[in-house]
Amino acid sequence: MSNIDELDRLDQRQMLSRLENEHASLDQQVTEFALASGTDQMVLSRLKRRKLELKDAIVRLRSNVLPDLPA
C-alpha cells in the first residue's frame, strides 16, 4: 500500500469519526426535540432526514475504510 493510499484511508477514517459524532449528536437532538411539548413536526422531520443522510454516508465510508471479509 502506498503512502497516498494510507493518507486517503486516514482521511476517510477521520471523516467517518466526524460523521459518527454528528450522527450521535443529532440522535440526541431528535430525542430531546421529540419529547418537548409543542414540537414543530416539520423541524423534527428535517432532523430525522439529516440523521438518515448521515447514516447512509457512514455506511458508504465504512465499506471503503474497513476491508472486505472473506465469505
N, C-alpha and C. Protein backbone atom coordinates (compact mmCIF):
# COMPACT_ATOMS: atom_id res chain seq x y z
N MET A 1 0.85 -1.18 0.00
CA MET A 1 0.00 0.00 0.00
C MET A 1 0.89 1.24 0.00
N SER A 2 0.58 2.20 -0.85
CA SER A 2 1.39 3.40 -0.95
C SER A 2 1.03 4.39 0.15
N ASN A 3 1.91 5.38 0.33
CA ASN A 3 1.66 6.42 1.33
C ASN A 3 0.38 7.19 1.02
N ILE A 4 0.10 7.39 -0.26
CA ILE A 4 -1.11 8.11 -0.65
C ILE A 4 -2.34 7.33 -0.23
N ASP A 5 -2.33 6.01 -0.44
CA ASP A 5 -3.45 5.17 -0.02
C ASP A 5 -3.63 5.23 1.49
N GLU A 6 -2.53 5.20 2.21
CA GLU A 6 -2.61 5.27 3.68
C GLU A 6 -3.19 6.60 4.13
N LEU A 7 -2.77 7.70 3.50
CA LEU A 7 -3.30 9.01 3.85
C LEU A 7 -4.79 9.10 3.52
N ASP A 8 -5.16 8.54 2.38
CA ASP A 8 -6.57 8.54 1.98
C ASP A 8 -7.41 7.78 3.00
N ARG A 9 -6.92 6.63 3.41
CA ARG A 9 -7.64 5.85 4.44
C ARG A 9 -7.72 6.60 5.76
N LEU A 10 -6.65 7.30 6.12
CA LEU A 10 -6.65 8.09 7.36
C LEU A 10 -7.69 9.20 7.26
N ASP A 11 -7.73 9.89 6.12
CA ASP A 11 -8.73 10.94 5.91
C ASP A 11 -10.13 10.37 5.99
N GLN A 12 -10.34 9.20 5.39
CA GLN A 12 -11.66 8.58 5.43
C GLN A 12 -12.04 8.19 6.85
N ARG A 13 -11.09 7.69 7.60
CA ARG A 13 -11.38 7.32 8.99
C ARG A 13 -11.71 8.55 9.83
N GLN A 14 -11.01 9.64 9.59
CA GLN A 14 -11.30 10.88 10.30
C GLN A 14 -12.70 11.39 9.94
N MET A 15 -13.03 11.33 8.66
CA MET A 15 -14.35 11.75 8.21
C MET A 15 -15.41 10.84 8.82
N LEU A 16 -15.15 9.55 8.85
CA LEU A 16 -16.08 8.60 9.44
C LEU A 16 -16.32 8.93 10.91
N SER A 17 -15.27 9.24 11.63
CA SER A 17 -15.39 9.60 13.03
C SER A 17 -16.24 10.86 13.21
N ARG A 18 -16.00 11.85 12.36
CA ARG A 18 -16.78 13.10 12.43
C ARG A 18 -18.25 12.83 12.14
N LEU A 19 -18.53 12.03 11.13
CA LEU A 19 -19.91 11.73 10.79
C LEU A 19 -20.60 10.95 11.91
N GLU A 20 -19.89 10.00 12.51
CA GLU A 20 -20.46 9.23 13.62
C GLU A 20 -20.76 10.13 14.81
N ASN A 21 -19.88 11.08 15.09
CA ASN A 21 -20.12 12.03 16.18
C ASN A 21 -21.32 12.92 15.89
N GLU A 22 -21.39 13.40 14.65
CA GLU A 22 -22.53 14.25 14.27
C GLU A 22 -23.83 13.45 14.34
N HIS A 23 -23.79 12.19 13.91
CA HIS A 23 -24.98 11.34 13.95
C HIS A 23 -25.44 11.13 15.40
N ALA A 24 -24.50 10.87 16.29
CA ALA A 24 -24.84 10.66 17.70
C ALA A 24 -25.43 11.93 18.31
N SER A 25 -24.85 13.06 17.98
CA SER A 25 -25.35 14.34 18.48
C SER A 25 -26.76 14.60 17.95
N LEU A 26 -26.96 14.34 16.68
CA LEU A 26 -28.26 14.55 16.07
C LEU A 26 -29.29 13.59 16.66
N ASP A 27 -28.89 12.38 16.96
CA ASP A 27 -29.78 11.41 17.59
C ASP A 27 -30.29 11.95 18.93
N GLN A 28 -29.38 12.53 19.70
CA GLN A 28 -29.75 13.13 20.99
C GLN A 28 -30.71 14.30 20.77
N GLN A 29 -30.43 15.14 19.79
CA GLN A 29 -31.29 16.29 19.50
C GLN A 29 -32.69 15.83 19.09
N VAL A 30 -32.77 14.81 18.24
CA VAL A 30 -34.06 14.30 17.80
C VAL A 30 -34.85 13.78 19.00
N THR A 31 -34.19 13.04 19.86
CA THR A 31 -34.86 12.50 21.05
C THR A 31 -35.39 13.62 21.93
N GLU A 32 -34.55 14.60 22.21
CA GLU A 32 -34.97 15.72 23.07
C GLU A 32 -36.08 16.53 22.41
N PHE A 33 -35.94 16.77 21.12
CA PHE A 33 -36.93 17.56 20.40
C PHE A 33 -38.27 16.85 20.37
N ALA A 34 -38.25 15.53 20.17
CA ALA A 34 -39.48 14.75 20.11
C ALA A 34 -40.21 14.74 21.46
N LEU A 35 -39.46 14.82 22.54
CA LEU A 35 -40.06 14.80 23.88
C LEU A 35 -40.59 16.16 24.31
N ALA A 36 -40.13 17.21 23.66
CA ALA A 36 -40.55 18.57 24.03
C ALA A 36 -42.00 18.80 23.60
N SER A 37 -42.71 19.53 24.44
CA SER A 37 -44.10 19.84 24.08
C SER A 37 -44.11 20.93 23.01
N GLY A 38 -45.09 20.89 22.15
CA GLY A 38 -45.20 21.87 21.09
C GLY A 38 -44.15 21.71 20.01
N THR A 39 -43.73 20.49 19.80
CA THR A 39 -42.69 20.20 18.81
C THR A 39 -43.18 20.52 17.40
N ASP A 40 -42.37 21.23 16.65
CA ASP A 40 -42.65 21.52 15.25
C ASP A 40 -42.30 20.27 14.45
N GLN A 41 -43.31 19.62 13.92
CA GLN A 41 -43.11 18.35 13.22
C GLN A 41 -42.27 18.51 11.96
N MET A 42 -42.32 19.69 11.34
CA MET A 42 -41.52 19.93 10.13
C MET A 42 -40.03 19.94 10.50
N VAL A 43 -39.70 20.59 11.59
CA VAL A 43 -38.30 20.64 12.05
C VAL A 43 -37.85 19.24 12.46
N LEU A 44 -38.70 18.52 13.18
CA LEU A 44 -38.36 17.16 13.59
C LEU A 44 -38.13 16.27 12.37
N SER A 45 -38.96 16.41 11.37
CA SER A 45 -38.81 15.64 10.14
C SER A 45 -37.48 15.96 9.45
N ARG A 46 -37.09 17.21 9.42
CA ARG A 46 -35.82 17.60 8.81
C ARG A 46 -34.63 17.03 9.58
N LEU A 47 -34.73 17.05 10.90
CA LEU A 47 -33.66 16.48 11.72
C LEU A 47 -33.52 14.98 11.45
N LYS A 48 -34.64 14.30 11.38
CA LYS A 48 -34.61 12.86 11.12
C LYS A 48 -34.06 12.56 9.72
N ARG A 49 -34.43 13.37 8.75
CA ARG A 49 -33.92 13.17 7.39
C ARG A 49 -32.41 13.36 7.35
N ARG A 50 -31.91 14.38 8.05
CA ARG A 50 -30.45 14.62 8.10
C ARG A 50 -29.76 13.45 8.79
N LYS A 51 -30.39 12.92 9.83
CA LYS A 51 -29.82 11.78 10.54
C LYS A 51 -29.71 10.56 9.61
N LEU A 52 -30.72 10.33 8.78
CA LEU A 52 -30.68 9.23 7.82
C LEU A 52 -29.61 9.46 6.75
N GLU A 53 -29.46 10.71 6.31
CA GLU A 53 -28.41 11.02 5.33
C GLU A 53 -27.03 10.72 5.91
N LEU A 54 -26.85 11.09 7.17
CA LEU A 54 -25.57 10.81 7.84
C LEU A 54 -25.33 9.31 7.94
N LYS A 55 -26.37 8.56 8.29
CA LYS A 55 -26.23 7.11 8.42
C LYS A 55 -25.83 6.49 7.09
N ASP A 56 -26.44 6.96 6.00
CA ASP A 56 -26.07 6.45 4.67
C ASP A 56 -24.61 6.76 4.35
N ALA A 57 -24.18 7.97 4.66
CA ALA A 57 -22.78 8.36 4.41
C ALA A 57 -21.83 7.51 5.25
N ILE A 58 -22.22 7.22 6.48
CA ILE A 58 -21.39 6.40 7.37
C ILE A 58 -21.24 5.00 6.80
N VAL A 59 -22.33 4.43 6.32
CA VAL A 59 -22.30 3.07 5.75
C VAL A 59 -21.38 3.05 4.52
N ARG A 60 -21.50 4.06 3.65
CA ARG A 60 -20.65 4.11 2.46
C ARG A 60 -19.18 4.23 2.84
N LEU A 61 -18.86 5.09 3.81
CA LEU A 61 -17.47 5.25 4.22
C LEU A 61 -16.93 3.99 4.88
N ARG A 62 -17.74 3.35 5.70
CA ARG A 62 -17.29 2.12 6.35
C ARG A 62 -16.93 1.06 5.32
N SER A 63 -17.69 1.01 4.24
CA SER A 63 -17.38 0.00 3.22
C SER A 63 -16.05 0.31 2.54
N ASN A 64 -15.64 1.57 2.49
CA ASN A 64 -14.35 1.94 1.92
C ASN A 64 -13.20 1.75 2.90
N VAL A 65 -13.47 2.02 4.17
CA VAL A 65 -12.40 2.01 5.19
C VAL A 65 -12.12 0.60 5.69
N LEU A 66 -13.17 -0.15 5.96
CA LEU A 66 -12.98 -1.49 6.51
C LEU A 66 -12.76 -2.48 5.39
N PRO A 67 -11.81 -3.36 5.54
CA PRO A 67 -11.55 -4.34 4.49
C PRO A 67 -12.70 -5.33 4.37
N ASP A 68 -12.89 -5.85 3.16
CA ASP A 68 -13.90 -6.86 2.95
C ASP A 68 -13.52 -8.13 3.69
N LEU A 69 -14.49 -8.75 4.30
CA LEU A 69 -14.25 -10.01 4.99
C LEU A 69 -14.47 -11.15 4.01
N PRO A 70 -13.61 -12.16 4.06
CA PRO A 70 -13.81 -13.31 3.18
C PRO A 70 -15.11 -14.04 3.52
N ALA A 71 -15.74 -14.58 2.51
CA ALA A 71 -17.04 -15.27 2.73
C ALA A 71 -16.82 -16.61 3.39
